[in-house]
């Protein structure tokens, strides 16, 4: 083999891809960079999806908790309405019996 020719081939290989005004990356190197960028982007998306899934789960639990609380509050209000209605009926009866209708005029 000719050492001069080998040196020239090495030099061509070393400077292959250099253009005027800058260096052009070889296509295999560019492909590796693209794959690496894509993998990082996919990992970032996976992290975001996991975070969104966790947040949506937390929101769901919070909504369920509030629904249970509102149901209990509605039941308590219905119970209070029944008790208050019964108390008002008894109070009306006392007013009629004692002829205190003037003082008990809330109808």
C-alpha atoms as a PDB file:
ATOM      1  CA  UNK A   1       0.000   0.000   0.000  1.00  0.00           C
ATOM      2  CA  UNK A   2       1.075   3.463  -0.725  1.00  0.00           C
ATOM      3  CA  UNK A   3       1.434   5.539   2.492  1.00  0.00           C
ATOM      4  CA  UNK A   4       0.856   8.746   0.599  1.00  0.00           C
ATOM      5  CA  UNK A   5      -2.381   7.447  -0.843  1.00  0.00           C
ATOM      6  CA  UNK A   6      -3.541   6.192   2.606  1.00  0.00           C
ATOM      7  CA  UNK A   7      -2.818   9.623   4.090  1.00  0.00           C
ATOM      8  CA  UNK A   8      -4.819  11.268   1.343  1.00  0.00           C
ATOM      9  CA  UNK A   9      -7.753   8.888   1.896  1.00  0.00           C
ATOM     10  CA  UNK A  10      -7.633   9.582   5.654  1.00  0.00           C
ATOM     11  CA  UNK A  11      -7.570  13.292   4.966  1.00  0.00           C
ATOM     12  CA  UNK A  12     -10.565  13.025   2.618  1.00  0.00           C
ATOM     13  CA  UNK A  13     -12.420  10.954   5.214  1.00  0.00           C
ATOM     14  CA  UNK A  14     -11.507  13.451   7.939  1.00  0.00           C
ATOM     15  CA  UNK A  15     -12.699  16.465   6.005  1.00  0.00           C
ATOM     16  CA  UNK A  16     -15.591  14.774   4.250  1.00  0.00           C
ATOM     17  CA  UNK A  17     -18.691  16.882   4.699  1.00  0.00           C
ATOM     18  CA  UNK A  18     -16.956  20.250   4.998  1.00  0.00           C
ATOM     19  CA  UNK A  19     -18.574  22.805   2.778  1.00  0.00           C
ATOM     20  CA  UNK A  20     -17.974  26.439   2.249  1.00  0.00           C
ATOM     21  CA  UNK A  21     -19.190  28.393   5.223  1.00  0.00           C
ATOM     22  CA  UNK A  22     -19.454  25.534   7.662  1.00  0.00           C
ATOM     23  CA  UNK A  23     -19.411  21.863   8.439  1.00  0.00           C
ATOM     24  CA  UNK A  24     -22.130  19.555   7.282  1.00  0.00           C
ATOM     25  CA  UNK A  25     -22.896  16.638   9.542  1.00  0.00           C
ATOM     26  CA  UNK A  26     -22.839  13.228   7.961  1.00  0.00           C
ATOM     27  CA  UNK A  27     -26.208  11.633   7.450  1.00  0.00           C
ATOM     28  CA  UNK A  28     -25.540   8.784   9.890  1.00  0.00           C
ATOM     29  CA  UNK A  29     -24.489  11.237  12.606  1.00  0.00           C
ATOM     30  CA  UNK A  30     -27.530  13.392  11.899  1.00  0.00           C
ATOM     31  CA  UNK A  31     -29.753  10.313  12.071  1.00  0.00           C
ATOM     32  CA  UNK A  32     -28.253   9.400  15.468  1.00  0.00           C
ATOM     33  CA  UNK A  33     -28.914  12.930  16.738  1.00  0.00           C
ATOM     34  CA  UNK A  34     -32.493  12.793  15.448  1.00  0.00           C
ATOM     35  CA  UNK A  35     -33.057   9.418  17.133  1.00  0.00           C
ATOM     36  CA  UNK A  36     -31.585  10.720  20.383  1.00  0.00           C
ATOM     37  CA  UNK A  37     -33.785  13.843  20.226  1.00  0.00           C
ATOM     38  CA  UNK A  38     -36.818  11.689  19.466  1.00  0.00           C
ATOM     39  CA  UNK A  39     -36.085   9.408  22.425  1.00  0.00           C
ATOM     40  CA  UNK A  40     -35.735  12.403  24.748  1.00  0.00           C
ATOM     41  CA  UNK A  41     -38.973  13.867  23.396  1.00  0.00           C
ATOM     42  CA  UNK A  42     -40.783  10.549  23.912  1.00  0.00           C
ATOM     43  CA  UNK A  43     -39.454  10.322  27.478  1.00  0.00           C
ATOM     44  CA  UNK A  44     -40.631  13.883  28.113  1.00  0.00           C
ATOM     45  CA  UNK A  45     -44.063  13.041  26.736  1.00  0.00           C
ATOM     46  CA  UNK A  46     -44.220   9.913  28.892  1.00  0.00           C
ATOM     47  CA  UNK A  47     -43.421  11.993  31.968  1.00  0.00           C
ATOM     48  CA  UNK A  48     -46.135  14.486  31.041  1.00  0.00           C
ATOM     49  CA  UNK A  49     -48.689  11.741  30.412  1.00  0.00           C
ATOM     50  CA  UNK A  50     -47.881  10.168  33.787  1.00  0.00           C
ATOM     51  CA  UNK A  51     -48.251  13.556  35.480  1.00  0.00           C
ATOM     52  CA  UNK A  52     -51.545  14.279  33.713  1.00  0.00           C
ATOM     53  CA  UNK A  53     -52.844  10.825  34.601  1.00  0.00           C
ATOM     54  CA  UNK A  54     -51.947  11.380  38.249  1.00  0.00           C
ATOM     55  CA  UNK A  55     -53.569  14.829  38.226  1.00  0.00           C
ATOM     56  CA  UNK A  56     -56.736  13.547  36.591  1.00  0.00           C
ATOM     57  CA  UNK A  57     -56.889  10.764  39.189  1.00  0.00           C
ATOM     58  CA  UNK A  58     -56.514  13.308  41.987  1.00  0.00           C
ATOM     59  CA  UNK A  59     -59.226  15.488  40.434  1.00  0.00           C
ATOM     60  CA  UNK A  60     -61.520  12.456  40.146  1.00  0.00           C
ATOM     61  CA  UNK A  61     -60.986  11.596  43.828  1.00  0.00           C
ATOM     62  CA  UNK A  62     -61.647  15.212  44.822  1.00  0.00           C
ATOM     63  CA  UNK A  63     -64.864  15.331  42.774  1.00  0.00           C
ATOM     64  CA  UNK A  64     -66.054  12.040  44.282  1.00  0.00           C
ATOM     65  CA  UNK A  65     -65.296  13.359  47.778  1.00  0.00           C
ATOM     66  CA  UNK A  66     -67.245  16.561  47.098  1.00  0.00           C
ATOM     67  CA  UNK A  67     -70.173  14.602  45.647  1.00  0.00           C
ATOM     68  CA  UNK A  68     -70.339  12.464  48.795  1.00  0.00           C
ATOM     69  CA  UNK A  69     -70.182  15.589  50.963  1.00  0.00           C
ATOM     70  CA  UNK A  70     -72.950  17.273  48.946  1.00  0.00           C
ATOM     71  CA  UNK A  71     -75.118  14.144  49.181  1.00  0.00           C
ATOM     72  CA  UNK A  72     -74.691  14.085  52.969  1.00  0.00           C
ATOM     73  CA  UNK A  73     -75.456  17.805  53.150  1.00  0.00           C
ATOM     74  CA  UNK A  74     -78.599  17.319  51.036  1.00  0.00           C
ATOM     75  CA  UNK A  75     -79.744  14.469  53.297  1.00  0.00           C
ATOM     76  CA  UNK A  76     -79.062  16.609  56.378  1.00  0.00           C
ATOM     77  CA  UNK A  77     -81.055  19.490  54.864  1.00  0.00           C
ATOM     78  CA  UNK A  78     -83.985  17.179  54.099  1.00  0.00           C
ATOM     79  CA  UNK A  79     -83.856  15.868  57.658  1.00  0.00           C
ATOM     80  CA  UNK A  80     -83.697  19.408  59.060  1.00  0.00           C
ATOM     81  CA  UNK A  81     -86.604  20.477  56.866  1.00  0.00           C
ATOM     82  CA  UNK A  82     -88.671  17.587  58.218  1.00  0.00           C
ATOM     83  CA  UNK A  83     -87.800  18.421  61.815  1.00  0.00           C
ATOM     84  CA  UNK A  84     -88.479  22.143  61.310  1.00  0.00           C
ATOM     85  CA  UNK A  85     -91.765  21.426  59.570  1.00  0.00           C
ATOM     86  CA  UNK A  86     -92.860  19.216  62.471  1.00  0.00           C
ATOM     87  CA  UNK A  87     -91.849  21.886  64.975  1.00  0.00           C
ATOM     88  CA  UNK A  88     -93.790  24.562  63.069  1.00  0.00           C
ATOM     89  CA  UNK A  89     -96.888  22.331  62.981  1.00  0.00           C
ATOM     90  CA  UNK A  90     -96.679  21.824  66.759  1.00  0.00           C
ATOM     91  CA  UNK A  91     -96.154  25.547  67.294  1.00  0.00           C
ATOM     92  CA  UNK A  92     -99.236  26.326  65.178  1.00  0.00           C
ATOM     93  CA  UNK A  93    -101.271  23.882  67.249  1.00  0.00           C
ATOM     94  CA  UNK A  94    -100.127  25.540  70.475  1.00  0.00           C
ATOM     95  CA  UNK A  95    -101.071  28.960  69.107  1.00  0.00           C
ATOM     96  CA  UNK A  96    -104.562  27.777  68.110  1.00  0.00           C
ATOM     97  CA  UNK A  97    -105.181  26.005  71.380  1.00  0.00           C
ATOM     98  CA  UNK A  98    -104.022  28.900  73.542  1.00  0.00           C
ATOM     99  CA  UNK A  99    -105.783  31.471  71.353  1.00  0.00           C
ATOM    100  CA  UNK A 100    -102.493  33.242  70.821  1.00  0.00           C
ATOM    101  CA  UNK A 101    -103.142  33.626  67.150  1.00  0.00           C
ATOM    102  CA  UNK A 102    -102.441  37.359  67.379  1.00  0.00           C
ATOM    103  CA  UNK A 103     -98.945  36.663  68.690  1.00  0.00           C
ATOM    104  CA  UNK A 104     -98.452  33.699  66.407  1.00  0.00           C
ATOM    105  CA  UNK A 105     -99.485  35.382  63.162  1.00  0.00           C
ATOM    106  CA  UNK A 106     -96.828  33.967  60.805  1.00  0.00           C
ATOM    107  CA  UNK A 107     -99.034  32.253  58.304  1.00  0.00           C
END
